[in-house]
Amino acid sequence: MTDVDHTDATPAVGSTKRSLTENSATEATGAGVRWPQQAGAFATRTLKELFRNRAALVWGLAAPAFFFVVFGVLLGDPGIQRGANAVVFGVFGAFSVSLVIFATALSADLKAKRYRKLRSLPISPTADLLGRFTGGLVLALVSFVLVLAVGVVTDGTLAVRSAVSVPVVFVALVLFCLLAMGAAVFVASVLDDGEYVVGVTNMLTLALFFLTGYNGLLPSMAPGPLGEWVNVLPNSLATRLAVYHLVPVGSGAGTPLTPPALPTGVESALLLGGYAVAGVVLGAVVMRRRIYDGEGGE
């Protein structure tokens, strides 16, 4: 991962800012407007901003697919191994979107003083947060699916384990991304410089990827005792749960995926749910106290 180019983000922020604040913000977020309408306005703006931002598309969509081709295809065998690699880098892409791209977009808004206008309107900070989360989740899911598609095209083997597998993977990915986006709100609110935001979030993403043995793909490669915690740490837990449901590895016994055993029970989903709640609460508190009430970015 490298620097995200803010020159692409600036016009995107400007155009979406005009669409929200000049054309429809007074209507969509003014007095008497309901909370769901505010959240919808922010979700629409976030989606437009992200999908018009070339830097976000490159680092959120193209980069994870490229990393998979280099490390998952050229250095991996076709079949099950390549399918598992696709899941690993798919989650990595969703993580990059939720943490790096999301934090960078929010930081750009703070730097552009966009919240000076928003604070003068009767806007709910939680509607702002939910709208942003919704837009970020869409791009994160697209990144995940895109890498899986590249995996299938390059002879990776994927197979849905049961009728509940797709919903389980979807929920697990959403819960993990909510934690990452909550952390992104905190980082963007604390660091004034967008370059620092990019650097810190990139380091966090890469550090967790390698410290958990490539998102839990190879627990034996995790340093020290961390290999025993791959079913607890959020990035590796979400990845290994997705591998279990999307790749025909059975129980994983006798493969580099174990030990420990792959997560299969409801406790894994509950743990991810706890992480998601923590991320949403963190994001909501920071959005209200530091960005709206605390005049973050000023």
C-alpha atoms as a PDB file:
ATOM      1  CA  MET A   1       0.000   0.000   0.000  1.00  0.00           C
ATOM      2  CA  THR A   2       1.195   3.494  -0.802  1.00  0.00           C
ATOM      3  CA  ASP A   3       0.018   7.097  -0.572  1.00  0.00           C
ATOM      4  CA  VAL A   4      -3.500   7.862  -1.688  1.00  0.00           C
ATOM      5  CA  ASP A   5      -3.538  10.811  -4.074  1.00  0.00           C
ATOM      6  CA  HIS A   6      -5.628  13.578  -2.577  1.00  0.00           C
ATOM      7  CA  THR A   7      -5.769  15.487  -5.857  1.00  0.00           C
ATOM      8  CA  ASP A   8      -8.479  13.104  -6.983  1.00  0.00           C
ATOM      9  CA  ALA A   9     -10.374  13.382  -3.743  1.00  0.00           C
ATOM     10  CA  THR A  10     -10.601  17.180  -3.815  1.00  0.00           C
ATOM     11  CA  PRO A  11     -12.811  17.525  -6.887  1.00  0.00           C
ATOM     12  CA  ALA A  12     -14.933  14.617  -5.711  1.00  0.00           C
ATOM     13  CA  VAL A  13     -15.441  16.296  -2.366  1.00  0.00           C
ATOM     14  CA  GLY A  14     -16.206  19.566  -4.100  1.00  0.00           C
ATOM     15  CA  SER A  15     -18.783  18.135  -6.464  1.00  0.00           C
ATOM     16  CA  THR A  16     -20.563  16.024  -3.878  1.00  0.00           C
ATOM     17  CA  LYS A  17     -20.370  18.897  -1.411  1.00  0.00           C
ATOM     18  CA  ARG A  18     -22.215  21.108  -3.863  1.00  0.00           C
ATOM     19  CA  SER A  19     -24.803  18.427  -4.523  1.00  0.00           C
ATOM     20  CA  LEU A  20     -25.472  18.036  -0.805  1.00  0.00           C
ATOM     21  CA  THR A  21     -25.034  21.505   0.608  1.00  0.00           C
ATOM     22  CA  GLU A  22     -25.997  23.760  -2.303  1.00  0.00           C
ATOM     23  CA  ASN A  23     -28.663  21.785  -4.095  1.00  0.00           C
ATOM     24  CA  SER A  24     -30.223  19.428  -1.607  1.00  0.00           C
ATOM     25  CA  ALA A  25     -28.632  19.715   1.829  1.00  0.00           C
ATOM     26  CA  THR A  26     -31.091  22.349   3.016  1.00  0.00           C
ATOM     27  CA  GLU A  27     -33.944  20.113   1.883  1.00  0.00           C
ATOM     28  CA  ALA A  28     -32.384  16.775   2.850  1.00  0.00           C
ATOM     29  CA  THR A  29     -31.013  17.835   6.221  1.00  0.00           C
ATOM     30  CA  GLY A  30     -33.064  20.877   7.145  1.00  0.00           C
ATOM     31  CA  ALA A  31     -35.561  21.359   9.903  1.00  0.00           C
ATOM     32  CA  GLY A  32     -38.363  18.822   9.960  1.00  0.00           C
ATOM     33  CA  VAL A  33     -36.524  16.321   7.758  1.00  0.00           C
ATOM     34  CA  ARG A  34     -36.544  12.826   9.159  1.00  0.00           C
ATOM     35  CA  TRP A  35     -33.469  10.932  10.272  1.00  0.00           C
ATOM     36  CA  PRO A  36     -33.732   8.241   7.524  1.00  0.00           C
ATOM     37  CA  GLN A  37     -33.764  10.938   4.842  1.00  0.00           C
ATOM     38  CA  GLN A  38     -30.621  12.497   6.285  1.00  0.00           C
ATOM     39  CA  ALA A  39     -28.887   9.112   6.414  1.00  0.00           C
ATOM     40  CA  GLY A  40     -29.945   8.423   2.831  1.00  0.00           C
ATOM     41  CA  ALA A  41     -28.548  11.765   1.658  1.00  0.00           C
ATOM     42  CA  PHE A  42     -25.187  11.046   3.275  1.00  0.00           C
ATOM     43  CA  ALA A  43     -25.134   7.503   1.880  1.00  0.00           C
ATOM     44  CA  THR A  44     -25.777   8.786  -1.639  1.00  0.00           C
ATOM     45  CA  ARG A  45     -23.093  11.434  -1.305  1.00  0.00           C
ATOM     46  CA  THR A  46     -20.548   8.931   0.026  1.00  0.00           C
ATOM     47  CA  LEU A  47     -21.226   6.474  -2.780  1.00  0.00           C
ATOM     48  CA  LYS A  48     -20.817   9.187  -5.423  1.00  0.00           C
ATOM     49  CA  GLU A  49     -17.645  10.455  -3.781  1.00  0.00           C
ATOM     50  CA  LEU A  50     -16.007   7.035  -3.559  1.00  0.00           C
ATOM     51  CA  PHE A  51     -16.970   5.790  -7.012  1.00  0.00           C
ATOM     52  CA  ARG A  52     -15.890   9.049  -8.670  1.00  0.00           C
ATOM     53  CA  ASN A  53     -12.569   9.118  -6.862  1.00  0.00           C
ATOM     54  CA  ARG A  54      -9.960   7.386  -9.005  1.00  0.00           C
ATOM     55  CA  ALA A  55      -7.551   6.998  -6.105  1.00  0.00           C
ATOM     56  CA  ALA A  56     -10.235   5.219  -4.050  1.00  0.00           C
ATOM     57  CA  LEU A  57     -11.040   2.915  -6.952  1.00  0.00           C
ATOM     58  CA  VAL A  58      -7.394   2.119  -7.580  1.00  0.00           C
ATOM     59  CA  TRP A  59      -6.497   1.347  -3.972  1.00  0.00           C
ATOM     60  CA  GLY A  60      -9.873  -0.098  -3.011  1.00  0.00           C
ATOM     61  CA  LEU A  61     -10.535  -2.264  -6.080  1.00  0.00           C
ATOM     62  CA  ALA A  62      -7.544  -2.589  -8.391  1.00  0.00           C
ATOM     63  CA  ALA A  63      -4.809  -2.930  -5.753  1.00  0.00           C
ATOM     64  CA  PRO A  64      -6.310  -5.918  -3.859  1.00  0.00           C
ATOM     65  CA  ALA A  65      -6.914  -7.729  -7.165  1.00  0.00           C
ATOM     66  CA  PHE A  66      -3.341  -6.957  -8.234  1.00  0.00           C
ATOM     67  CA  PHE A  67      -1.916  -8.218  -4.940  1.00  0.00           C
ATOM     68  CA  PHE A  68      -3.932 -11.408  -5.334  1.00  0.00           C
ATOM     69  CA  VAL A  69      -2.609 -11.958  -8.861  1.00  0.00           C
ATOM     70  CA  VAL A  70       0.992 -11.435  -7.731  1.00  0.00           C
ATOM     71  CA  PHE A  71       0.947 -13.315  -4.441  1.00  0.00           C
ATOM     72  CA  GLY A  72      -2.093 -15.573  -4.777  1.00  0.00           C
ATOM     73  CA  VAL A  73      -1.789 -16.650  -8.410  1.00  0.00           C
ATOM     74  CA  LEU A  74       1.869 -16.428  -9.384  1.00  0.00           C
ATOM     75  CA  LEU A  75       3.002 -17.867  -6.042  1.00  0.00           C
ATOM     76  CA  GLY A  76       0.069 -20.221  -5.436  1.00  0.00           C
ATOM     77  CA  ASP A  77      -1.214 -23.418  -7.026  1.00  0.00           C
ATOM     78  CA  PRO A  78      -4.548 -23.605  -8.861  1.00  0.00           C
ATOM     79  CA  GLY A  79      -7.516 -25.088  -7.087  1.00  0.00           C
ATOM     80  CA  ILE A  80      -8.233 -24.922  -3.389  1.00  0.00           C
ATOM     81  CA  GLN A  81      -5.068 -23.043  -2.478  1.00  0.00           C
ATOM     82  CA  ARG A  82      -5.805 -20.306  -4.990  1.00  0.00           C
ATOM     83  CA  GLY A  83      -9.419 -20.151  -3.864  1.00  0.00           C
ATOM     84  CA  ALA A  84      -8.310 -19.640  -0.262  1.00  0.00           C
ATOM     85  CA  ASN A  85      -5.891 -16.947  -1.407  1.00  0.00           C
ATOM     86  CA  ALA A  86      -8.739 -15.160  -3.187  1.00  0.00           C
ATOM     87  CA  VAL A  87     -10.785 -15.062   0.013  1.00  0.00           C
ATOM     88  CA  VAL A  88      -7.788 -13.797   1.983  1.00  0.00           C
ATOM     89  CA  PHE A  89      -7.064 -10.940  -0.403  1.00  0.00           C
ATOM     90  CA  GLY A  90     -10.771 -10.234  -0.817  1.00  0.00           C
ATOM     91  CA  VAL A  91     -11.059  -9.564   2.903  1.00  0.00           C
ATOM     92  CA  PHE A  92      -7.840  -7.564   2.697  1.00  0.00           C
ATOM     93  CA  GLY A  93      -9.454  -5.391   0.020  1.00  0.00           C
ATOM     94  CA  ALA A  94     -12.590  -4.867   2.093  1.00  0.00           C
ATOM     95  CA  PHE A  95     -10.387  -3.971   5.076  1.00  0.00           C
ATOM     96  CA  SER A  96      -8.416  -1.462   3.007  1.00  0.00           C
ATOM     97  CA  VAL A  97     -11.611   0.227   1.847  1.00  0.00           C
ATOM     98  CA  SER A  98     -13.133   0.321   5.333  1.00  0.00           C
ATOM     99  CA  LEU A  99     -10.046   1.670   7.075  1.00  0.00           C
ATOM    100  CA  VAL A 100      -7.735   3.451   4.624  1.00  0.00           C
ATOM    101  CA  ILE A 101     -10.167   4.767   2.001  1.00  0.00           C
ATOM    102  CA  PHE A 102     -12.910   5.574   4.503  1.00  0.00           C
ATOM    103  CA  ALA A 103     -10.551   7.476   6.819  1.00  0.00           C
ATOM    104  CA  THR A 104      -8.995   9.334   3.893  1.00  0.00           C
ATOM    105  CA  ALA A 105     -12.395  10.469   2.583  1.00  0.00           C
ATOM    106  CA  LEU A 106     -13.488  11.729   6.000  1.00  0.00           C
ATOM    107  CA  SER A 107     -10.147  13.451   6.513  1.00  0.00           C
ATOM    108  CA  ALA A 108     -10.553  15.222   3.160  1.00  0.00           C
ATOM    109  CA  ASP A 109     -13.969  16.529   4.248  1.00  0.00           C
ATOM    110  CA  LEU A 110     -12.527  17.799   7.530  1.00  0.00           C
ATOM    111  CA  LYS A 111      -9.625  19.451   5.746  1.00  0.00           C
ATOM    112  CA  ALA A 112     -12.009  21.122   3.286  1.00  0.00           C
ATOM    113  CA  LYS A 113     -13.934  22.618   6.251  1.00  0.00           C
ATOM    114  CA  ARG A 114     -17.114  20.983   5.004  1.00  0.00           C
ATOM    115  CA  TYR A 115     -18.377  20.534   8.548  1.00  0.00           C
ATOM    116  CA  ARG A 116     -18.565  24.291   9.085  1.00  0.00           C
ATOM    117  CA  LYS A 117     -21.680  24.230   6.917  1.00  0.00           C
ATOM    118  CA  LEU A 118     -23.044  20.983   8.306  1.00  0.00           C
ATOM    119  CA  ARG A 119     -22.796  22.168  11.920  1.00  0.00           C
ATOM    120  CA  SER A 120     -25.095  25.069  11.097  1.00  0.00           C
ATOM    121  CA  LEU A 121     -27.808  22.681   9.932  1.00  0.00           C
ATOM    122  CA  PRO A 122     -30.066  20.513  12.120  1.00  0.00           C
ATOM    123  CA  ILE A 123     -28.219  17.342  11.171  1.00  0.00           C
ATOM    124  CA  SER A 124     -28.004  14.193  13.253  1.00  0.00           C
ATOM    125  CA  PRO A 125     -24.379  13.031  13.626  1.00  0.00           C
ATOM    126  CA  THR A 126     -25.593   9.437  13.671  1.00  0.00           C
ATOM    127  CA  ALA A 127     -27.357   9.945  10.331  1.00  0.00           C
ATOM    128  CA  ASP A 128     -24.076  11.271   8.940  1.00  0.00           C
ATOM    129  CA  LEU A 129     -22.236   8.260  10.346  1.00  0.00           C
ATOM    130  CA  LEU A 130     -24.733   5.670   9.109  1.00  0.00           C
ATOM    131  CA  GLY A 131     -24.791   7.200   5.657  1.00  0.00           C
ATOM    132  CA  ARG A 132     -21.014   7.124   5.453  1.00  0.00           C
ATOM    133  CA  PHE A 133     -20.939   3.560   6.757  1.00  0.00           C
ATOM    134  CA  THR A 134     -23.453   2.478   4.117  1.00  0.00           C
ATOM    135  CA  GLY A 135     -21.422   3.958   1.281  1.00  0.00           C
ATOM    136  CA  GLY A 136     -18.193   2.475   2.615  1.00  0.00           C
ATOM    137  CA  LEU A 137     -19.780  -0.963   3.001  1.00  0.00           C
ATOM    138  CA  VAL A 138     -20.932  -0.997  -0.617  1.00  0.00           C
ATOM    139  CA  LEU A 139     -17.403  -0.337  -1.926  1.00  0.00           C
ATOM    140  CA  ALA A 140     -15.920  -2.841   0.551  1.00  0.00           C
ATOM    141  CA  LEU A 141     -18.309  -5.571  -0.614  1.00  0.00           C
ATOM    142  CA  VAL A 142     -17.572  -4.764  -4.264  1.00  0.00           C
ATOM    143  CA  SER A 143     -13.843  -5.094  -3.535  1.00  0.00           C
ATOM    144  CA  PHE A 144     -14.370  -8.481  -1.875  1.00  0.00           C
ATOM    145  CA  VAL A 145     -16.529  -9.851  -4.694  1.00  0.00           C
ATOM    146  CA  LEU A 146     -14.160  -8.521  -7.351  1.00  0.00           C
ATOM    147  CA  VAL A 147     -11.181 -10.424  -5.916  1.00  0.00           C
ATOM    148  CA  LEU A 148     -13.277 -13.591  -5.635  1.00  0.00           C
ATOM    149  CA  ALA A 149     -14.237 -13.205  -9.297  1.00  0.00           C
ATOM    150  CA  VAL A 150     -10.579 -12.853 -10.271  1.00  0.00           C
ATOM    151  CA  GLY A 151      -9.892 -15.958  -8.210  1.00  0.00           C
ATOM    152  CA  VAL A 152     -12.471 -17.975 -10.127  1.00  0.00           C
ATOM    153  CA  VAL A 153     -11.186 -16.726 -13.489  1.00  0.00           C
ATOM    154  CA  THR A 154      -7.629 -17.746 -12.545  1.00  0.00           C
ATOM    155  CA  ASP A 155      -8.666 -21.327 -11.662  1.00  0.00           C
ATOM    156  CA  GLY A 156      -9.241 -20.846  -7.968  1.00  0.00           C
ATOM    157  CA  THR A 157     -11.704 -23.291  -6.461  1.00  0.00           C
ATOM    158  CA  LEU A 158     -14.629 -21.855  -4.519  1.00  0.00           C
ATOM    159  CA  ALA A 159     -17.646 -23.820  -3.314  1.00  0.00           C
ATOM    160  CA  VAL A 160     -20.501 -22.692  -1.086  1.00  0.00           C
ATOM    161  CA  ARG A 161     -20.618 -25.075   1.862  1.00  0.00           C
ATOM    162  CA  SER A 162     -24.348 -24.789   2.631  1.00  0.00           C
ATOM    163  CA  ALA A 163     -27.445 -22.675   2.110  1.00  0.00           C
ATOM    164  CA  VAL A 164     -26.444 -20.365   4.968  1.00  0.00           C
ATOM    165  CA  SER A 165     -22.850 -19.895   3.847  1.00  0.00           C
ATOM    166  CA  VAL A 166     -23.378 -16.779   1.728  1.00  0.00           C
ATOM    167  CA  PRO A 167     -25.456 -14.984   4.409  1.00  0.00           C
ATOM    168  CA  VAL A 168     -22.897 -15.952   7.054  1.00  0.00           C
ATOM    169  CA  VAL A 169     -19.993 -14.586   5.005  1.00  0.00           C
ATOM    170  CA  PHE A 170     -21.948 -11.437   4.173  1.00  0.00           C
ATOM    171  CA  VAL A 171     -22.786 -10.766   7.816  1.00  0.00           C
ATOM    172  CA  ALA A 172     -19.232 -11.542   8.954  1.00  0.00           C
ATOM    173  CA  LEU A 173     -17.778  -9.146   6.395  1.00  0.00           C
ATOM    174  CA  VAL A 174     -20.229  -6.374   7.282  1.00  0.00           C
ATOM    175  CA  LEU A 175     -19.533  -6.745  11.007  1.00  0.00           C
ATOM    176  CA  PHE A 176     -15.777  -6.644  10.479  1.00  0.00           C
ATOM    177  CA  CYS A 177     -16.027  -3.606   8.207  1.00  0.00           C
ATOM    178  CA  LEU A 178     -18.134  -1.751  10.787  1.00  0.00           C
ATOM    179  CA  LEU A 179     -15.316  -2.168  13.295  1.00  0.00           C
ATOM    180  CA  ALA A 180     -12.759  -0.939  10.749  1.00  0.00           C
ATOM    181  CA  MET A 181     -14.842   2.108   9.787  1.00  0.00           C
ATOM    182  CA  GLY A 182     -15.359   3.037  13.424  1.00  0.00           C
ATOM    183  CA  ALA A 183     -11.602   2.965  13.865  1.00  0.00           C
ATOM    184  CA  ALA A 184     -11.251   5.031  10.676  1.00  0.00           C
ATOM    185  CA  VAL A 185     -13.495   7.777  12.093  1.00  0.00           C
ATOM    186  CA  PHE A 186     -11.309   7.935  15.192  1.00  0.00           C
ATOM    187  CA  VAL A 187      -8.048   8.112  13.224  1.00  0.00           C
ATOM    188  CA  ALA A 188      -9.378  10.806  10.865  1.00  0.00           C
ATOM    189  CA  SER A 189     -10.597  12.904  13.791  1.00  0.00           C
ATOM    190  CA  VAL A 190      -7.308  12.686  15.699  1.00  0.00           C
ATOM    191  CA  LEU A 191      -4.828  13.279  12.872  1.00  0.00           C
ATOM    192  CA  ASP A 192      -5.093  16.682  11.220  1.00  0.00           C
ATOM    193  CA  ASP A 193      -2.918  15.880   8.217  1.00  0.00           C
ATOM    194  CA  GLY A 194      -4.406  13.653   5.531  1.00  0.00           C
ATOM    195  CA  GLU A 195      -0.976  12.242   4.723  1.00  0.00           C
ATOM    196  CA  TYR A 196      -0.659  10.992   8.295  1.00  0.00           C
ATOM    197  CA  VAL A 197      -4.111   9.427   8.040  1.00  0.00           C
ATOM    198  CA  VAL A 198      -3.047   7.494   4.939  1.00  0.00           C
ATOM    199  CA  GLY A 199       0.208   6.390   6.531  1.00  0.00           C
ATOM    200  CA  VAL A 200      -1.260   5.282   9.855  1.00  0.00           C
ATOM    201  CA  THR A 201      -4.198   3.392   8.357  1.00  0.00           C
ATOM    202  CA  ASN A 202      -1.961   1.677   5.797  1.00  0.00           C
ATOM    203  CA  MET A 203       0.391   0.575   8.560  1.00  0.00           C
ATOM    204  CA  LEU A 204      -2.493  -0.787  10.617  1.00  0.00           C
ATOM    205  CA  THR A 205      -3.878  -2.720   7.659  1.00  0.00           C
ATOM    206  CA  LEU A 206      -0.547  -4.258   6.689  1.00  0.00           C
ATOM    207  CA  ALA A 207       0.537  -4.915  10.277  1.00  0.00           C
ATOM    208  CA  LEU A 208      -2.626  -6.882  11.063  1.00  0.00           C
ATOM    209  CA  PHE A 209      -2.346  -8.749   7.762  1.00  0.00           C
ATOM    210  CA  PHE A 210       1.174  -9.998   8.462  1.00  0.00           C
ATOM    211  CA  LEU A 211       0.940 -10.337  12.251  1.00  0.00           C
ATOM    212  CA  THR A 212      -1.992 -12.736  11.876  1.00  0.00           C
ATOM    213  CA  GLY A 213      -0.225 -14.926   9.311  1.00  0.00           C
ATOM    214  CA  TYR A 214      -1.698 -13.368   6.173  1.00  0.00           C
ATOM    215  CA  ASN A 215      -5.137 -12.718   7.684  1.00  0.00           C
ATOM    216  CA  GLY A 216      -5.179 -16.156   9.301  1.00  0.00           C
ATOM    217  CA  LEU A 217      -4.294 -18.136   6.157  1.00  0.00           C
ATOM    218  CA  LEU A 218      -1.044 -19.426   7.683  1.00  0.00           C
ATOM    219  CA  PRO A 219      -1.259 -19.309  11.485  1.00  0.00           C
ATOM    220  CA  SER A 220       2.169 -20.878  11.776  1.00  0.00           C
ATOM    221  CA  MET A 221       3.639 -17.775  10.132  1.00  0.00           C
ATOM    222  CA  ALA A 222       2.247 -15.455  12.804  1.00  0.00           C
ATOM    223  CA  PRO A 223       4.968 -14.295  15.214  1.00  0.00           C
ATOM    224  CA  GLY A 224       5.092 -15.668  18.733  1.00  0.00           C
ATOM    225  CA  PRO A 225       1.771 -16.716  20.256  1.00  0.00           C
ATOM    226  CA  LEU A 226      -0.350 -14.724  17.789  1.00  0.00           C
ATOM    227  CA  GLY A 227      -0.982 -17.852  15.747  1.00  0.00           C
ATOM    228  CA  GLU A 228      -3.133 -19.127  18.588  1.00  0.00           C
ATOM    229  CA  TRP A 229      -5.290 -15.997  18.419  1.00  0.00           C
ATOM    230  CA  VAL A 230      -6.263 -16.022  14.747  1.00  0.00           C
ATOM    231  CA  ASN A 231      -9.814 -17.088  15.663  1.00  0.00           C
ATOM    232  CA  VAL A 232     -10.116 -14.105  17.989  1.00  0.00           C
ATOM    233  CA  LEU A 233      -8.466 -11.196  16.207  1.00  0.00           C
ATOM    234  CA  PRO A 234     -11.096  -9.581  13.956  1.00  0.00           C
ATOM    235  CA  ASN A 235      -9.377  -9.564  10.565  1.00  0.00           C
ATOM    236  CA  SER A 236      -8.221 -13.187  10.729  1.00  0.00           C
ATOM    237  CA  LEU A 237     -11.482 -14.373  12.308  1.00  0.00           C
ATOM    238  CA  ALA A 238     -13.581 -12.887   9.486  1.00  0.00           C
ATOM    239  CA  THR A 239     -11.189 -14.287   6.877  1.00  0.00           C
ATOM    240  CA  ARG A 240     -11.074 -17.811   8.292  1.00  0.00           C
ATOM    241  CA  LEU A 241     -14.843 -17.898   8.681  1.00  0.00           C
ATOM    242  CA  ALA A 242     -15.183 -16.919   5.023  1.00  0.00           C
ATOM    243  CA  VAL A 243     -12.634 -19.561   3.973  1.00  0.00           C
ATOM    244  CA  TYR A 244     -14.567 -22.250   5.842  1.00  0.00           C
ATOM    245  CA  HIS A 245     -17.813 -21.350   4.073  1.00  0.00           C
ATOM    246  CA  LEU A 246     -16.495 -20.567   0.573  1.00  0.00           C
ATOM    247  CA  VAL A 247     -13.541 -22.921   0.009  1.00  0.00           C
ATOM    248  CA  PRO A 248     -13.879 -26.751   0.014  1.00  0.00           C
ATOM    249  CA  VAL A 249     -11.232 -27.400   2.666  1.00  0.00           C
ATOM    250  CA  GLY A 250     -13.409 -29.530   4.912  1.00  0.00           C
ATOM    251  CA  SER A 251     -12.468 -28.960   8.513  1.00  0.00           C
ATOM    252  CA  GLY A 252      -9.075 -27.658   7.424  1.00  0.00           C
ATOM    253  CA  ALA A 253      -7.311 -30.479   9.282  1.00  0.00           C
ATOM    254  CA  GLY A 254      -3.984 -31.379   7.743  1.00  0.00           C
ATOM    255  CA  THR A 255      -3.716 -28.057   5.878  1.00  0.00           C
ATOM    256  CA  PRO A 256      -1.660 -24.944   6.695  1.00  0.00           C
ATOM    257  CA  LEU A 257      -4.921 -23.382   7.933  1.00  0.00           C
ATOM    258  CA  THR A 258      -4.677 -25.392  11.147  1.00  0.00           C
ATOM    259  CA  PRO A 259      -4.061 -25.429  14.023  1.00  0.00           C
ATOM    260  CA  PRO A 260      -6.184 -23.862  15.434  1.00  0.00           C
ATOM    261  CA  ALA A 261      -9.332 -25.345  13.915  1.00  0.00           C
ATOM    262  CA  LEU A 262     -11.297 -23.160  11.543  1.00  0.00           C
ATOM    263  CA  PRO A 263     -14.114 -21.169  13.214  1.00  0.00           C
ATOM    264  CA  THR A 264     -17.489 -22.748  12.559  1.00  0.00           C
ATOM    265  CA  GLY A 265     -19.781 -21.985  15.490  1.00  0.00           C
ATOM    266  CA  VAL A 266     -22.160 -19.191  16.328  1.00  0.00           C
ATOM    267  CA  GLU A 267     -19.671 -17.854  18.863  1.00  0.00           C
ATOM    268  CA  SER A 268     -17.550 -16.567  15.972  1.00  0.00           C
ATOM    269  CA  ALA A 269     -20.440 -14.479  14.656  1.00  0.00           C
ATOM    270  CA  LEU A 270     -21.199 -13.240  18.155  1.00  0.00           C
ATOM    271  CA  LEU A 271     -17.588 -12.169  18.631  1.00  0.00           C
ATOM    272  CA  LEU A 272     -17.629 -10.293  15.333  1.00  0.00           C
ATOM    273  CA  GLY A 273     -20.913  -8.748  16.427  1.00  0.00           C
ATOM    274  CA  GLY A 274     -19.241  -7.498  19.573  1.00  0.00           C
ATOM    275  CA  TYR A 275     -16.442  -5.990  17.517  1.00  0.00           C
ATOM    276  CA  ALA A 276     -18.998  -4.296  15.260  1.00  0.00           C
ATOM    277  CA  VAL A 277     -20.871  -2.798  18.210  1.00  0.00           C
ATOM    278  CA  ALA A 278     -17.590  -1.439  19.565  1.00  0.00           C
ATOM    279  CA  GLY A 279     -16.774   0.086  16.179  1.00  0.00           C
ATOM    280  CA  VAL A 280     -20.193   1.696  15.750  1.00  0.00           C
ATOM    281  CA  VAL A 281     -20.183   3.106  19.287  1.00  0.00           C
ATOM    282  CA  LEU A 282     -16.664   4.459  18.835  1.00  0.00           C
ATOM    283  CA  GLY A 283     -17.592   6.042  15.513  1.00  0.00           C
ATOM    284  CA  ALA A 284     -20.799   7.562  16.892  1.00  0.00           C
ATOM    285  CA  VAL A 285     -19.091   9.049  19.952  1.00  0.00           C
ATOM    286  CA  VAL A 286     -16.231  10.483  17.914  1.00  0.00           C
ATOM    287  CA  MET A 287     -18.554  11.845  15.228  1.00  0.00           C
ATOM    288  CA  ARG A 288     -20.674  13.673  17.785  1.00  0.00           C
ATOM    289  CA  ARG A 289     -18.088  14.852  20.307  1.00  0.00           C
ATOM    290  CA  ARG A 290     -15.023  15.516  18.179  1.00  0.00           C
ATOM    291  CA  ILE A 291     -16.400  16.375  14.749  1.00  0.00           C
ATOM    292  CA  TYR A 292     -19.763  18.033  15.423  1.00  0.00           C
ATOM    293  CA  ASP A 293     -19.603  19.269  19.022  1.00  0.00           C
ATOM    294  CA  GLY A 294     -15.814  19.553  19.167  1.00  0.00           C
ATOM    295  CA  GLU A 295     -15.469  21.251  15.780  1.00  0.00           C
ATOM    296  CA  GLY A 296     -13.007  18.714  14.451  1.00  0.00           C
ATOM    297  CA  GLY A 297     -10.889  19.806  11.522  1.00  0.00           C
ATOM    298  CA  GLU A 298     -10.922  23.476  12.452  1.00  0.00           C
END
